[in-house]
Protein backbone atom coordinates (compact mmCIF):
# COMPACT_ATOMS: atom_id res chain seq x y z
CA MET A 1 14.76 22.54 26.08
CA SER A 2 16.51 19.42 25.04
CA SER A 3 19.43 18.76 22.86
CA ASN A 4 17.95 16.04 20.35
CA PHE A 5 15.08 19.27 19.86
CA LYS A 6 17.67 21.80 19.15
CA LEU A 7 19.49 18.75 16.90
CA PHE A 8 16.24 18.31 14.92
CA LYS A 9 15.66 21.81 14.42
CA SER A 10 19.50 22.73 13.14
CA VAL A 11 18.67 19.95 10.62
CA LEU A 12 15.84 21.70 8.43
CA GLU A 13 17.91 25.09 8.86
CA ILE A 14 20.67 24.03 7.60
CA GLU A 15 18.65 22.43 4.49
CA ALA A 16 16.74 25.22 4.31
CA ASN A 17 19.42 27.82 4.36
CA ALA A 18 21.21 25.25 1.39
CA ILE A 19 18.22 25.81 -0.72
CA ILE A 20 18.53 29.62 -0.82
CA SER A 21 21.75 29.65 -1.09
CA ALA A 22 21.22 27.51 -4.26
CA LYS A 23 18.33 30.03 -5.27
CA SER A 24 20.88 32.96 -5.16
CA LYS A 25 22.74 31.53 -7.73
CA ILE A 26 19.92 31.11 -10.30
CA THR A 27 20.85 32.51 -13.28
CA ASP A 28 18.20 33.56 -15.62
CA ASP A 29 20.70 31.76 -18.52
CA GLN A 30 20.90 28.72 -17.16
CA ILE A 31 16.47 28.58 -17.39
CA ASP A 32 16.94 29.63 -21.11
CA LEU A 33 19.05 26.98 -21.50
CA LEU A 34 16.91 24.62 -19.59
CA GLU A 35 13.87 25.78 -21.42
CA LYS A 36 15.70 25.07 -24.47
CA LEU A 37 16.44 21.34 -23.55
CA PHE A 38 12.90 20.62 -22.40
CA HIS A 39 11.81 22.34 -25.66
CA GLN A 40 13.76 19.45 -27.94
CA LEU A 41 12.78 16.18 -25.25
CA ILE A 42 9.49 17.60 -26.65
CA ASN A 43 9.94 17.70 -30.18
CA ARG A 44 12.24 14.93 -30.95
CA SER A 45 9.99 12.16 -28.29
CA GLY A 46 13.21 11.48 -25.79
CA SER A 47 14.12 10.82 -22.45
CA LEU A 48 14.88 12.92 -19.86
CA VAL A 49 17.65 9.91 -18.34
CA PHE A 50 18.90 10.20 -14.46
CA VAL A 51 22.31 8.95 -14.17
CA GLY A 52 23.57 8.63 -10.37
CA ILE A 53 24.74 5.91 -7.84
CA GLY A 54 24.35 5.25 -4.35
CA LYS A 55 22.10 8.06 -2.58
CA SER A 56 22.47 9.99 -5.68
CA GLY A 57 20.72 7.55 -7.68
CA GLN A 58 17.57 7.29 -5.04
CA ILE A 59 17.00 10.60 -5.56
CA GLY A 60 17.29 10.42 -9.67
CA SER A 61 15.26 7.78 -9.27
CA LYS A 62 12.42 10.14 -7.01
CA LEU A 63 12.99 12.69 -9.94
CA ALA A 64 12.27 10.37 -12.79
CA SER A 65 8.82 9.54 -11.19
CA THR A 66 8.43 13.34 -10.91
CA PHE A 67 9.01 13.70 -14.89
CA SER A 68 6.56 10.83 -15.10
CA SER A 69 4.14 11.98 -13.97
CA LEU A 70 4.24 14.77 -15.94
CA GLY A 71 4.11 13.60 -19.12
CA LEU A 72 7.50 12.62 -20.07
CA SER A 73 9.41 9.78 -20.48
CA SER A 74 12.07 9.96 -17.48
CA TYR A 75 13.56 6.83 -16.30
CA SER A 76 17.14 6.55 -13.49
CA LEU A 77 20.04 4.83 -15.59
CA HIS A 78 22.57 3.22 -12.97
CA PRO A 79 25.71 4.02 -14.50
CA VAL A 80 27.13 0.44 -13.74
CA GLU A 81 24.31 -1.68 -15.10
CA ALA A 82 24.41 0.96 -18.22
CA LEU A 83 27.80 -0.74 -18.81
CA HIS A 84 26.55 -4.32 -18.77
CA GLY A 85 23.61 -3.57 -21.20
CA ASP A 86 20.85 -0.91 -19.63
CA LEU A 87 22.75 1.68 -22.61
CA GLY A 88 20.14 -0.27 -25.23
CA ARG A 89 17.61 1.93 -23.37
CA VAL A 90 19.38 5.34 -24.11
CA THR A 91 19.02 7.06 -27.45
CA LYS A 92 20.50 10.62 -29.55
CA ASN A 93 17.55 12.33 -28.41
CA ASP A 94 17.69 12.52 -24.79
CA VAL A 95 18.87 13.97 -22.21
CA PHE A 96 21.16 13.11 -19.26
CA VAL A 97 20.62 14.27 -15.89
CA PHE A 98 23.74 13.70 -13.47
CA LEU A 99 24.12 13.60 -9.84
CA SER A 100 27.46 13.83 -8.35
CA LYS A 101 28.46 15.08 -4.84
CA SER A 102 31.20 15.14 -5.57
CA GLY A 103 31.23 16.07 -9.72
CA THR A 104 34.24 13.03 -9.95
CA THR A 105 32.18 9.85 -9.70
CA ASP A 106 34.54 6.99 -10.74
CA GLU A 107 31.13 5.09 -12.11
CA ILE A 108 29.74 8.31 -14.07
CA ILE A 109 32.68 9.06 -15.18
CA LYS A 110 33.50 5.42 -17.12
CA LEU A 111 30.32 5.38 -18.26
CA LEU A 112 30.20 9.03 -20.23
CA PRO A 113 32.43 8.34 -22.88
CA TYR A 114 29.77 6.11 -24.43
CA LEU A 115 26.23 8.37 -24.16
CA PRO A 116 25.18 10.29 -27.05
CA ILE A 117 26.75 13.41 -25.32
CA ASP A 118 26.09 16.46 -27.43
CA GLU A 119 25.11 19.51 -25.88
CA ASN A 120 22.48 17.78 -24.02
CA ALA A 121 23.59 17.15 -20.71
CA ILE A 122 22.72 18.93 -17.60
CA GLY A 123 24.28 18.32 -14.24
CA LEU A 124 23.50 18.19 -10.25
CA LEU A 125 26.93 18.65 -9.54
CA GLY A 126 28.57 19.72 -5.47
CA ASN A 127 31.21 20.66 -7.24
CA VAL A 128 30.89 22.97 -10.28
CA ASN A 129 34.58 22.58 -11.64
CA SER A 130 34.28 18.98 -12.20
CA SER A 131 35.03 16.55 -14.39
CA ILE A 132 31.29 15.62 -14.95
CA ALA A 133 30.69 19.23 -15.41
CA ARG A 134 32.83 19.63 -17.64
CA ARG A 135 31.15 17.24 -19.82
CA CYS A 136 27.50 19.45 -19.10
CA LYS A 137 25.75 22.13 -20.93
CA LEU A 138 24.28 23.04 -17.95
CA VAL A 139 25.21 22.91 -14.57
CA PHE A 140 22.89 24.11 -11.66
CA ASP A 141 25.30 24.41 -7.93
CA CYS A 142 24.24 21.67 -5.43
CA SER A 143 27.36 22.53 -3.44
CA VAL A 144 26.49 22.36 0.18
CA GLU A 145 28.63 24.00 3.36
CA LYS A 146 27.56 20.99 5.13
CA GLU A 147 25.93 17.96 5.64
CA ALA A 148 23.14 18.30 8.61
CA CYS A 149 24.34 14.24 10.28
CA ILE A 150 26.43 15.38 12.91
CA ASN A 151 29.72 13.83 11.67
CA ASN A 152 29.28 15.61 7.63
CA GLN A 153 28.90 12.41 5.88
CA ALA A 154 25.37 10.74 5.44
CA PRO A 155 23.65 12.61 2.57
CA THR A 156 21.36 14.43 4.27
CA THR A 157 21.23 18.49 3.29
CA SER A 158 23.26 17.74 -0.49
CA SER A 159 20.67 15.15 -0.91
CA THR A 160 17.40 17.14 0.08
CA LEU A 161 19.63 20.04 -2.31
CA ALA A 162 19.17 17.53 -5.15
CA LEU A 163 15.89 16.86 -4.66
CA ALA A 164 14.91 20.42 -4.70
CA VAL A 165 16.50 22.04 -7.99
CA GLY A 166 14.80 18.80 -9.54
CA ASP A 167 11.40 19.60 -8.11
CA ALA A 168 12.48 22.99 -9.69
CA MET A 169 13.42 21.85 -12.52
CA ALA A 170 10.46 19.41 -13.34
CA VAL A 171 7.75 22.54 -12.32
CA VAL A 172 9.29 24.46 -15.01
CA TYR A 173 8.53 21.47 -17.46
CA GLU A 174 5.03 21.70 -16.14
CA ASN A 175 5.34 24.89 -16.98
CA VAL A 176 6.99 24.84 -20.64
CA SER A 177 4.84 22.22 -21.44
CA GLY A 178 1.76 23.25 -20.95
CA ILE A 179 0.59 20.10 -18.91
CA SER A 180 -3.35 20.81 -17.24
CA LYS A 181 -5.12 19.17 -14.79
CA GLU A 182 -6.61 16.90 -16.48
CA GLY A 183 -3.71 15.68 -18.40
CA PHE A 184 -1.68 15.22 -15.09
CA ALA A 185 -4.30 13.18 -14.08
CA VAL A 186 -4.04 10.56 -16.93
CA ASN A 187 -0.93 9.76 -15.69
CA HIS A 188 -2.23 9.48 -12.17
CA PRO A 189 -6.04 7.02 -12.65
CA GLY A 190 -5.60 5.68 -9.52
CA GLY A 191 -5.02 8.60 -7.41
CA LEU A 192 -7.95 11.35 -5.84
CA LEU A 193 -6.94 13.30 -8.50
CA GLY A 194 -7.17 11.21 -11.84
CA LYS A 195 -10.33 10.10 -10.40
CA SER A 196 -12.00 13.50 -9.64
CA LEU A 197 -10.81 14.83 -12.78
CA LEU A 198 -11.60 11.18 -15.09
CA MET A 199 -13.93 8.65 -13.34
CA LYS A 200 -17.48 9.10 -14.22
CA VAL A 201 -20.94 8.56 -13.16
CA GLU A 202 -21.04 5.36 -15.29
CA SER A 203 -17.92 3.84 -13.49
CA LEU A 204 -19.90 3.71 -10.64
CA MET A 205 -23.82 3.60 -10.82
CA TRP A 206 -26.33 1.20 -10.51
CA LYS A 207 -27.51 -0.09 -13.26
CA ALA A 208 -31.01 -0.08 -14.44
CA ARG A 209 -31.66 -3.78 -14.23
CA GLU A 210 -29.97 -3.54 -10.72
CA CYS A 211 -32.53 -0.76 -9.44
CA PRO A 212 -36.02 -1.39 -7.84
CA VAL A 213 -37.97 0.19 -10.71
CA LEU A 214 -41.92 -0.05 -10.63
CA ALA A 215 -44.70 2.71 -12.24
CA PRO A 216 -47.17 5.59 -11.15
CA GLU A 217 -49.90 3.11 -10.76
CA ASN A 218 -47.81 0.76 -8.27
CA THR A 219 -49.04 0.39 -4.40
CA LEU A 220 -46.76 2.05 -1.42
CA GLN A 221 -47.05 -1.52 -0.18
CA GLU A 222 -44.93 -3.00 -3.85
CA ALA A 223 -42.27 -0.32 -3.76
CA ILE A 224 -41.92 -0.91 0.72
CA LEU A 225 -41.32 -4.65 -0.32
CA LEU A 226 -38.96 -3.71 -3.29
CA MET A 227 -36.77 -1.93 -2.09
CA THR A 228 -36.87 -4.16 0.84
CA GLU A 229 -35.59 -6.28 -1.26
CA ASN A 230 -32.99 -3.46 -3.65
CA ASN A 231 -31.65 -2.01 -0.46
CA LEU A 232 -30.34 1.06 -2.37
CA GLY A 233 -31.88 3.40 -1.26
CA GLY A 234 -34.72 4.41 -3.77
CA CYS A 235 -36.99 3.48 -6.31
CA ALA A 236 -37.11 4.49 -9.78
CA ILE A 237 -41.07 5.24 -11.06
CA VAL A 238 -40.81 5.03 -15.26
CA LYS A 239 -44.29 5.18 -17.44
CA ASN A 240 -43.89 4.37 -20.77
CA ASP A 241 -39.90 3.47 -20.27
CA GLU A 242 -39.70 7.27 -19.37
CA PHE A 243 -38.78 7.98 -15.85
CA VAL A 244 -41.47 10.56 -13.80
CA GLY A 245 -39.88 10.07 -10.42
CA ILE A 246 -37.69 8.90 -7.12
CA LEU A 247 -39.29 7.81 -3.90
CA VAL A 248 -36.86 7.29 -1.26
CA GLU A 249 -36.90 6.00 2.37
CA GLY A 250 -37.44 9.74 3.59
CA ASP A 251 -40.38 9.86 1.71
CA ILE A 252 -42.07 6.83 2.96
CA ARG A 253 -41.92 8.00 6.27
CA ARG A 254 -43.08 11.06 5.57
CA ALA A 255 -45.81 9.39 3.94
CA PHE A 256 -47.74 7.69 7.28
CA THR A 257 -47.14 11.14 9.38
CA LYS A 258 -49.71 12.06 6.53
CA HIS A 259 -52.12 9.14 6.59
CA TYR A 260 -51.23 7.73 3.58
CA ASN A 261 -51.70 4.11 3.92
CA LEU A 262 -50.14 0.51 2.08
CA LYS A 263 -52.51 0.83 -0.77
CA THR A 264 -51.67 4.62 -1.72
CA LYS A 265 -50.89 5.13 -5.30
CA LEU A 266 -47.11 5.94 -6.06
CA GLU A 267 -47.80 8.70 -8.14
CA LEU A 268 -48.93 10.52 -4.91
CA LEU A 269 -45.95 10.56 -3.16
CA ILE A 270 -43.05 10.27 -5.24
CA ASN A 271 -40.36 13.43 -6.04
CA LYS A 272 -41.43 14.09 -9.87
CA ASN A 273 -38.45 16.63 -9.67
CA PRO A 274 -35.12 15.10 -8.32
CA VAL A 275 -31.76 16.19 -8.77
CA SER A 276 -30.40 14.70 -11.67
CA ILE A 277 -27.00 13.49 -13.84
CA LYS A 278 -26.03 11.97 -16.80
CA PRO A 279 -24.12 9.19 -17.02
CA ASN A 280 -20.91 10.82 -19.06
CA GLN A 281 -20.45 13.74 -15.88
CA LEU A 282 -17.83 13.21 -13.51
CA ALA A 283 -18.19 11.54 -10.55
CA SER A 284 -17.30 14.08 -9.01
CA GLN A 285 -19.96 16.84 -10.05
CA ALA A 286 -22.31 13.80 -8.24
CA LEU A 287 -21.18 14.94 -4.79
CA VAL A 288 -21.36 17.94 -5.18
CA LEU A 289 -24.57 18.17 -5.88
CA MET A 290 -25.93 15.96 -3.69
CA GLU A 291 -23.78 17.55 -0.25
CA ALA A 292 -24.82 20.82 -2.01
CA PRO A 293 -26.36 23.32 0.88
CA GLU A 294 -29.88 23.73 0.46
CA ARG A 295 -30.35 20.19 -0.40
CA GLN A 296 -28.35 16.64 1.78
CA ILE A 297 -29.19 13.54 -1.16
CA SER A 298 -27.91 10.16 0.11
CA ILE A 299 -29.18 8.65 -3.75
CA MET A 300 -29.61 10.21 -7.41
CA PRO A 301 -30.81 8.93 -10.37
CA VAL A 302 -29.26 8.79 -13.69
CA LEU A 303 -30.94 9.93 -16.61
CA LEU A 304 -30.32 10.47 -20.06
CA ASP A 305 -32.92 12.06 -22.36
CA LYS A 306 -35.59 11.31 -19.23
CA LYS A 307 -34.66 7.74 -19.91
CA PHE A 308 -33.82 6.31 -16.46
CA LEU A 309 -30.12 4.47 -16.73
CA GLY A 310 -29.53 3.56 -13.23
CA PHE A 311 -29.18 5.16 -9.39
CA ILE A 312 -25.63 6.60 -7.83
CA ARG A 313 -25.32 6.62 -4.57
CA ILE A 314 -22.91 8.88 -2.25
CA HIS A 315 -22.09 6.60 -0.40
CA ASP A 316 -20.17 4.52 -3.13
CA LEU A 317 -18.68 8.04 -3.49
CA LEU A 318 -17.81 7.91 -0.81
CA LYS A 319 -16.43 4.55 -0.87
CA GLU A 320 -13.77 5.14 -4.11
CA GLY A 321 -12.37 7.92 -1.86
CA PHE A 322 -14.41 11.26 -2.99
CA SER A 323 -14.98 13.58 -0.26
CA LYS A 324 -15.52 17.05 -0.59
């Protein structure tokens, strides 16, 4: 067993132990107060403002992004930039979260007199008796016995612990605010979750004007020519402006095994009761229907009250990132 193998595992153990230690220090009163501050933010439409510098500032930026993804206005405020104009973003309705290993970060201390702090500050601090801690209504003890780095210098254990405590705060906010998966997805329209919960079939389907469409009395030959020209893998069969069935490539192969010919009318070959979907249904539901165990279909008609609106293909769903 190499020394670096042991070293690698020791880092994980040191950081895990620091989180477990911090867990033992949390009290019910702290979480009750945290909940009140979150309700205050929601009721006043304030922002959660993370203030830190260096690695602590970077952790604050990550936590601000997490809270933003949960629907709470949140941002990272650099203490030096704040003193040079960024204070214009701050309001009395905000709640401030200070991140500092020492609790005596000079840049934060210089900023404190200019912030509208009135029992609306939280500290993620390595020293709960520090000058910054005394300005906070709520302080989470983020002290660590040692950094995981060999020389006990680089922020490793301390930054990991601050991140973990901030994440715990975010999950409490998620519970307090009652945000649903759908609400979360609103803030993630580009991600797979957002697509799964928001993207509709109509956004991915091929419109009727782009699809092969024939009548029941058309022939198999006409269908083959049109489907070759518009290569989507299927042809909609429509009569009197109503959808009556679908012809797919598999139907064509089966037609020749049953001794039909190119002059055969499509009404003899089509599937008159195919699986279909409405345009306002979720695209993720289309994938579920198409990959059901009892069927494996690659193209599905999009219908609204028997009117053919287009096709949705499994290829396009997979290309968009959907998967079972």
